[in-house]
N, C-alpha and C. Protein backbone atom coordinates (compact mmCIF):
# COMPACT_ATOMS: atom_id res chain seq x y z
N MET A 1 -36.22 71.69 18.95
CA MET A 1 -37.15 72.49 18.20
C MET A 1 -37.56 73.65 19.11
N ASN A 2 -37.51 74.87 18.56
CA ASN A 2 -37.89 76.00 19.38
C ASN A 2 -39.42 76.09 19.48
N ARG A 3 -39.88 76.92 20.39
CA ARG A 3 -41.30 77.00 20.72
C ARG A 3 -42.16 77.41 19.51
N SER A 4 -41.74 78.36 18.68
CA SER A 4 -42.55 78.80 17.55
C SER A 4 -42.67 77.71 16.49
N ARG A 5 -41.59 76.95 16.27
CA ARG A 5 -41.65 75.84 15.33
C ARG A 5 -42.55 74.73 15.85
N LEU A 6 -42.49 74.48 17.15
CA LEU A 6 -43.34 73.45 17.76
C LEU A 6 -44.81 73.84 17.63
N THR A 7 -45.11 75.12 17.89
CA THR A 7 -46.49 75.60 17.77
C THR A 7 -46.97 75.47 16.33
N LEU A 8 -46.13 75.84 15.37
CA LEU A 8 -46.48 75.74 13.97
C LEU A 8 -46.71 74.28 13.56
N ALA A 9 -45.88 73.38 14.04
CA ALA A 9 -46.02 71.96 13.73
C ALA A 9 -47.33 71.40 14.30
N ILE A 10 -47.68 71.80 15.52
CA ILE A 10 -48.93 71.34 16.15
C ILE A 10 -50.13 71.87 15.38
N LEU A 11 -50.11 73.15 15.00
CA LEU A 11 -51.21 73.73 14.24
C LEU A 11 -51.37 73.05 12.87
N ALA A 12 -50.26 72.77 12.21
CA ALA A 12 -50.32 72.11 10.91
C ALA A 12 -50.88 70.70 11.04
N ALA A 13 -50.46 69.97 12.07
CA ALA A 13 -50.97 68.62 12.29
C ALA A 13 -52.47 68.65 12.61
N ALA A 14 -52.89 69.62 13.38
CA ALA A 14 -54.31 69.73 13.73
C ALA A 14 -55.14 70.05 12.50
N ALA A 15 -54.64 70.89 11.62
CA ALA A 15 -55.37 71.24 10.41
C ALA A 15 -55.51 70.04 9.50
N LEU A 16 -54.47 69.23 9.40
CA LEU A 16 -54.54 68.03 8.55
C LEU A 16 -55.47 66.98 9.14
N ALA A 17 -55.55 66.90 10.45
CA ALA A 17 -56.37 65.88 11.10
C ALA A 17 -57.82 66.31 11.26
N ALA A 18 -58.11 67.59 11.07
CA ALA A 18 -59.48 68.07 11.27
C ALA A 18 -60.41 67.44 10.25
N PRO A 19 -61.60 67.03 10.69
CA PRO A 19 -62.55 66.46 9.74
C PRO A 19 -63.01 67.51 8.73
N ALA A 20 -63.28 67.06 7.53
CA ALA A 20 -63.76 67.97 6.49
C ALA A 20 -65.18 68.40 6.84
N SER A 21 -65.54 69.58 6.39
CA SER A 21 -66.91 70.03 6.60
C SER A 21 -67.84 69.19 5.75
N PRO A 22 -69.13 69.10 6.09
CA PRO A 22 -70.06 68.33 5.27
C PRO A 22 -70.07 68.78 3.82
N GLN A 23 -69.91 70.08 3.60
CA GLN A 23 -69.90 70.58 2.23
C GLN A 23 -68.69 70.03 1.48
N ASP A 24 -67.52 69.98 2.13
CA ASP A 24 -66.32 69.43 1.50
C ASP A 24 -66.50 67.95 1.22
N ALA A 25 -67.11 67.22 2.14
CA ALA A 25 -67.29 65.78 1.97
C ALA A 25 -68.19 65.49 0.79
N ASP A 26 -69.18 66.32 0.53
CA ASP A 26 -70.11 66.09 -0.56
C ASP A 26 -69.57 66.55 -1.90
N ALA A 27 -68.52 67.36 -1.91
CA ALA A 27 -68.02 67.92 -3.16
C ALA A 27 -67.59 66.83 -4.14
N GLY A 28 -67.02 65.73 -3.67
CA GLY A 28 -66.56 64.68 -4.56
C GLY A 28 -67.55 63.54 -4.70
N ALA A 29 -68.64 63.58 -3.98
CA ALA A 29 -69.61 62.48 -4.01
C ALA A 29 -70.59 62.64 -5.17
N PRO A 30 -70.95 61.52 -5.79
CA PRO A 30 -71.95 61.61 -6.86
C PRO A 30 -73.27 62.15 -6.33
N ALA A 31 -73.93 62.97 -7.15
CA ALA A 31 -75.21 63.54 -6.75
C ALA A 31 -76.32 62.50 -6.79
N THR A 32 -76.17 61.50 -7.67
CA THR A 32 -77.23 60.53 -7.89
C THR A 32 -76.64 59.13 -8.00
N THR A 33 -77.32 58.15 -7.40
CA THR A 33 -76.99 56.75 -7.62
C THR A 33 -78.26 56.07 -8.10
N VAL A 34 -78.15 55.36 -9.22
CA VAL A 34 -79.30 54.68 -9.81
C VAL A 34 -78.98 53.18 -9.89
N ALA A 35 -79.84 52.36 -9.28
CA ALA A 35 -79.69 50.91 -9.36
C ALA A 35 -80.36 50.42 -10.64
N ILE A 36 -79.63 49.60 -11.39
CA ILE A 36 -80.15 49.06 -12.65
C ILE A 36 -79.92 47.56 -12.65
N ALA A 37 -80.96 46.81 -13.00
CA ALA A 37 -80.86 45.35 -13.08
C ALA A 37 -80.88 44.95 -14.55
N ALA A 38 -79.95 44.07 -14.93
CA ALA A 38 -79.92 43.52 -16.27
C ALA A 38 -80.38 42.07 -16.19
N LYS A 39 -81.32 41.71 -17.06
CA LYS A 39 -81.75 40.32 -17.15
C LYS A 39 -82.29 40.10 -18.55
N ARG A 40 -82.28 38.86 -18.98
CA ARG A 40 -82.78 38.58 -20.32
C ARG A 40 -84.18 39.13 -20.47
N PHE A 41 -84.52 39.90 -21.30
CA PHE A 41 -83.84 40.67 -22.33
C PHE A 41 -84.18 42.12 -22.09
N GLU A 42 -83.85 42.62 -20.91
CA GLU A 42 -84.22 43.98 -20.55
C GLU A 42 -83.32 44.54 -19.45
N PHE A 43 -83.34 45.85 -19.39
CA PHE A 43 -82.76 46.57 -18.25
C PHE A 43 -83.95 47.11 -17.47
N GLN A 44 -83.86 47.05 -16.14
CA GLN A 44 -84.91 47.61 -15.29
C GLN A 44 -84.27 48.62 -14.36
N PRO A 45 -84.72 49.87 -14.34
CA PRO A 45 -85.78 50.41 -15.18
C PRO A 45 -85.32 50.54 -16.63
N ALA A 46 -86.26 50.70 -17.54
CA ALA A 46 -85.96 50.82 -18.97
C ALA A 46 -85.56 52.25 -19.34
N GLU A 47 -85.84 53.22 -18.45
CA GLU A 47 -85.49 54.61 -18.69
C GLU A 47 -85.11 55.27 -17.38
N ILE A 48 -84.01 56.03 -17.40
CA ILE A 48 -83.61 56.80 -16.23
C ILE A 48 -83.41 58.26 -16.64
N HIS A 49 -83.50 59.15 -15.65
CA HIS A 49 -83.34 60.58 -15.89
C HIS A 49 -82.18 61.09 -15.04
N LEU A 50 -81.28 61.82 -15.68
CA LEU A 50 -80.13 62.43 -15.00
C LEU A 50 -80.08 63.90 -15.35
N LYS A 51 -79.34 64.65 -14.54
CA LYS A 51 -79.20 66.09 -14.77
C LYS A 51 -77.86 66.37 -15.44
N ALA A 52 -77.89 67.20 -16.46
CA ALA A 52 -76.68 67.58 -17.18
C ALA A 52 -75.69 68.25 -16.22
N GLY A 53 -74.44 67.87 -16.32
CA GLY A 53 -73.38 68.46 -15.51
C GLY A 53 -73.24 67.91 -14.12
N GLU A 54 -74.11 66.98 -13.73
CA GLU A 54 -74.03 66.40 -12.38
C GLU A 54 -73.53 64.96 -12.46
N PRO A 55 -72.56 64.62 -11.61
CA PRO A 55 -72.06 63.25 -11.62
C PRO A 55 -73.11 62.27 -11.11
N ALA A 56 -73.06 61.06 -11.63
CA ALA A 56 -73.98 60.01 -11.23
C ALA A 56 -73.25 58.68 -11.23
N THR A 57 -73.73 57.77 -10.41
CA THR A 57 -73.23 56.40 -10.40
C THR A 57 -74.38 55.49 -10.81
N LEU A 58 -74.14 54.67 -11.81
CA LEU A 58 -75.10 53.66 -12.23
C LEU A 58 -74.61 52.34 -11.63
N ALA A 59 -75.35 51.80 -10.68
CA ALA A 59 -75.00 50.54 -10.01
C ALA A 59 -75.74 49.43 -10.75
N VAL A 60 -75.02 48.72 -11.62
CA VAL A 60 -75.64 47.77 -12.54
C VAL A 60 -75.32 46.34 -12.12
N THR A 61 -76.38 45.51 -12.02
CA THR A 61 -76.24 44.12 -11.61
C THR A 61 -76.91 43.20 -12.62
N SER A 62 -76.20 42.13 -13.02
CA SER A 62 -76.83 41.12 -13.86
C SER A 62 -77.51 40.11 -12.97
N GLN A 63 -78.75 39.79 -13.31
CA GLN A 63 -79.51 38.83 -12.50
C GLN A 63 -79.47 37.41 -13.04
N ASP A 64 -78.89 37.21 -14.24
CA ASP A 64 -78.94 35.87 -14.79
C ASP A 64 -77.68 35.43 -15.52
N VAL A 65 -77.36 36.04 -16.65
CA VAL A 65 -76.21 35.63 -17.46
C VAL A 65 -75.29 36.84 -17.65
N THR A 66 -74.18 36.63 -18.35
CA THR A 66 -73.28 37.73 -18.65
C THR A 66 -73.95 38.67 -19.66
N HIS A 67 -73.91 39.95 -19.34
CA HIS A 67 -74.45 40.98 -20.22
C HIS A 67 -73.39 42.04 -20.44
N GLY A 68 -73.60 42.86 -21.44
CA GLY A 68 -72.79 44.05 -21.65
C GLY A 68 -73.60 45.27 -21.27
N PHE A 69 -72.91 46.36 -21.00
CA PHE A 69 -73.55 47.63 -20.65
C PHE A 69 -72.74 48.70 -21.38
N PHE A 70 -73.23 49.11 -22.56
CA PHE A 70 -72.42 49.90 -23.48
C PHE A 70 -73.16 51.13 -23.98
N SER A 71 -72.48 52.27 -23.95
CA SER A 71 -72.95 53.49 -24.60
C SER A 71 -71.74 54.28 -25.08
N ARG A 72 -71.60 54.36 -26.39
CA ARG A 72 -70.50 55.13 -26.97
C ARG A 72 -70.65 56.62 -26.60
N GLN A 73 -71.90 57.14 -26.68
CA GLN A 73 -72.14 58.57 -26.44
C GLN A 73 -71.86 58.97 -25.00
N LEU A 74 -72.12 58.08 -24.05
CA LEU A 74 -71.89 58.40 -22.64
C LEU A 74 -70.52 57.92 -22.17
N GLY A 75 -69.82 57.16 -23.00
CA GLY A 75 -68.43 56.81 -22.74
C GLY A 75 -68.19 55.66 -21.79
N PHE A 76 -68.99 54.60 -21.87
CA PHE A 76 -68.69 53.43 -21.04
C PHE A 76 -68.97 52.14 -21.78
N ASP A 77 -68.26 51.10 -21.38
CA ASP A 77 -68.39 49.75 -21.94
C ASP A 77 -68.01 48.78 -20.83
N GLU A 78 -69.00 48.20 -20.18
CA GLU A 78 -68.76 47.34 -19.02
C GLU A 78 -69.27 45.93 -19.27
N ASP A 79 -68.60 44.96 -18.66
CA ASP A 79 -69.04 43.58 -18.66
C ASP A 79 -69.76 43.32 -17.34
N LEU A 80 -70.91 42.68 -17.40
CA LEU A 80 -71.70 42.39 -16.21
C LEU A 80 -71.73 40.89 -15.97
N SER A 81 -71.22 40.46 -14.84
CA SER A 81 -71.25 39.05 -14.47
C SER A 81 -72.42 38.81 -13.53
N PRO A 82 -73.03 37.64 -13.63
CA PRO A 82 -74.20 37.35 -12.78
C PRO A 82 -73.90 37.56 -11.29
N GLY A 83 -74.80 38.27 -10.62
CA GLY A 83 -74.70 38.46 -9.17
C GLY A 83 -73.72 39.52 -8.71
N LYS A 84 -72.98 40.13 -9.62
CA LYS A 84 -72.00 41.15 -9.22
C LYS A 84 -72.49 42.52 -9.68
N THR A 85 -72.20 43.54 -8.86
CA THR A 85 -72.60 44.91 -9.19
C THR A 85 -71.39 45.66 -9.73
N VAL A 86 -71.59 46.36 -10.83
CA VAL A 86 -70.56 47.21 -11.42
C VAL A 86 -71.03 48.64 -11.28
N ASP A 87 -70.18 49.50 -10.71
CA ASP A 87 -70.50 50.92 -10.59
C ASP A 87 -69.92 51.67 -11.78
N VAL A 88 -70.80 52.31 -12.53
CA VAL A 88 -70.41 53.09 -13.69
C VAL A 88 -70.56 54.56 -13.31
N HIS A 89 -69.44 55.28 -13.28
CA HIS A 89 -69.45 56.70 -12.89
C HIS A 89 -69.49 57.55 -14.16
N ILE A 90 -70.51 58.39 -14.25
CA ILE A 90 -70.63 59.25 -15.42
C ILE A 90 -70.98 60.67 -14.99
N LYS A 91 -70.72 61.59 -15.88
CA LYS A 91 -71.12 62.99 -15.69
C LYS A 91 -71.58 63.50 -17.05
N PRO A 92 -72.85 63.23 -17.39
CA PRO A 92 -73.33 63.65 -18.71
C PRO A 92 -73.39 65.17 -18.81
N GLU A 93 -72.81 65.71 -19.86
CA GLU A 93 -72.74 67.17 -20.00
C GLU A 93 -73.83 67.74 -20.88
N LYS A 94 -74.28 66.98 -21.87
CA LYS A 94 -75.19 67.52 -22.87
C LYS A 94 -76.58 66.91 -22.73
N PRO A 95 -77.62 67.75 -22.62
CA PRO A 95 -78.98 67.21 -22.55
C PRO A 95 -79.31 66.41 -23.81
N GLY A 96 -80.13 65.40 -23.63
CA GLY A 96 -80.55 64.58 -24.76
C GLY A 96 -81.01 63.21 -24.30
N ARG A 97 -81.29 62.35 -25.26
CA ARG A 97 -81.70 60.97 -25.01
C ARG A 97 -80.58 60.07 -25.53
N TYR A 98 -80.10 59.20 -24.69
CA TYR A 98 -78.99 58.31 -25.03
C TYR A 98 -79.42 56.86 -24.83
N THR A 99 -78.94 55.99 -25.71
CA THR A 99 -79.29 54.59 -25.64
C THR A 99 -78.12 53.78 -25.10
N VAL A 100 -78.41 52.92 -24.15
CA VAL A 100 -77.45 51.96 -23.62
C VAL A 100 -77.91 50.59 -24.11
N ILE A 101 -76.97 49.79 -24.61
CA ILE A 101 -77.32 48.47 -25.12
C ILE A 101 -76.55 47.38 -24.39
N CYS A 102 -77.07 46.17 -24.48
CA CYS A 102 -76.31 44.99 -24.08
C CYS A 102 -75.49 44.60 -25.30
N ASP A 103 -74.17 44.59 -25.15
CA ASP A 103 -73.32 44.24 -26.30
C ASP A 103 -72.69 42.85 -26.16
N HIS A 104 -73.28 42.00 -25.33
CA HIS A 104 -72.90 40.59 -25.23
C HIS A 104 -74.12 39.77 -25.61
N TYR A 105 -73.98 38.92 -26.60
CA TYR A 105 -75.13 38.14 -27.03
C TYR A 105 -75.64 37.30 -25.85
N CYS A 106 -76.91 37.48 -25.52
CA CYS A 106 -77.48 36.81 -24.34
C CYS A 106 -78.73 35.99 -24.67
N GLY A 107 -78.98 35.79 -25.96
CA GLY A 107 -80.12 34.98 -26.36
C GLY A 107 -80.92 35.64 -27.46
N SER A 108 -82.05 35.02 -27.81
CA SER A 108 -82.83 35.45 -28.97
C SER A 108 -83.41 36.86 -28.86
N GLY A 109 -83.63 37.38 -27.67
CA GLY A 109 -84.18 38.72 -27.49
C GLY A 109 -83.12 39.79 -27.27
N HIS A 110 -81.87 39.43 -27.46
CA HIS A 110 -80.73 40.31 -27.18
C HIS A 110 -80.83 41.66 -27.89
N GLY A 111 -81.27 41.66 -29.14
CA GLY A 111 -81.30 42.88 -29.94
C GLY A 111 -82.21 43.96 -29.38
N GLY A 112 -83.17 43.60 -28.57
CA GLY A 112 -84.09 44.59 -28.01
C GLY A 112 -83.73 45.03 -26.60
N MET A 113 -82.58 44.60 -26.10
CA MET A 113 -82.18 44.91 -24.72
C MET A 113 -81.54 46.29 -24.68
N LYS A 114 -82.34 47.29 -24.31
CA LYS A 114 -81.88 48.69 -24.31
C LYS A 114 -82.36 49.41 -23.06
N LEU A 115 -81.60 50.44 -22.71
CA LEU A 115 -81.93 51.35 -21.62
C LEU A 115 -81.83 52.76 -22.20
N THR A 116 -82.77 53.61 -21.91
CA THR A 116 -82.71 55.01 -22.35
C THR A 116 -82.30 55.88 -21.17
N VAL A 117 -81.27 56.70 -21.40
CA VAL A 117 -80.83 57.67 -20.40
C VAL A 117 -81.25 59.05 -20.91
N VAL A 118 -82.12 59.70 -20.16
CA VAL A 118 -82.59 61.03 -20.52
C VAL A 118 -81.81 62.02 -19.67
N VAL A 119 -81.05 62.88 -20.32
CA VAL A 119 -80.27 63.90 -19.62
C VAL A 119 -80.98 65.22 -19.80
N GLU A 120 -81.36 65.83 -18.67
CA GLU A 120 -82.14 67.08 -18.70
C GLU A 120 -81.31 68.26 -18.28
């Protein structure tokens, strides 16, 4: 390999190995993470606020039995097993109030198990 090709190869390798700037590292990271607990017959908190156009992760954990975590408008349908956390990645685009429900029958109070997502 001649000297100019060797120099080019070293520069290319150094560029690939260079750490990303903090701004680059944050570009793909969610802006918000919200912890949500599901338990008979409620989600805690009962209401969360997100910003339109910003990605968010909803870290949802069931504290007791199997629950569902469903919103047609926000585009997710997750099964929640007791003691396990499910990360739901969303990027709500349109401001409004959205309802998330438990779509797995979990007992007599199941019908009232809702979470409101307010997108501002």
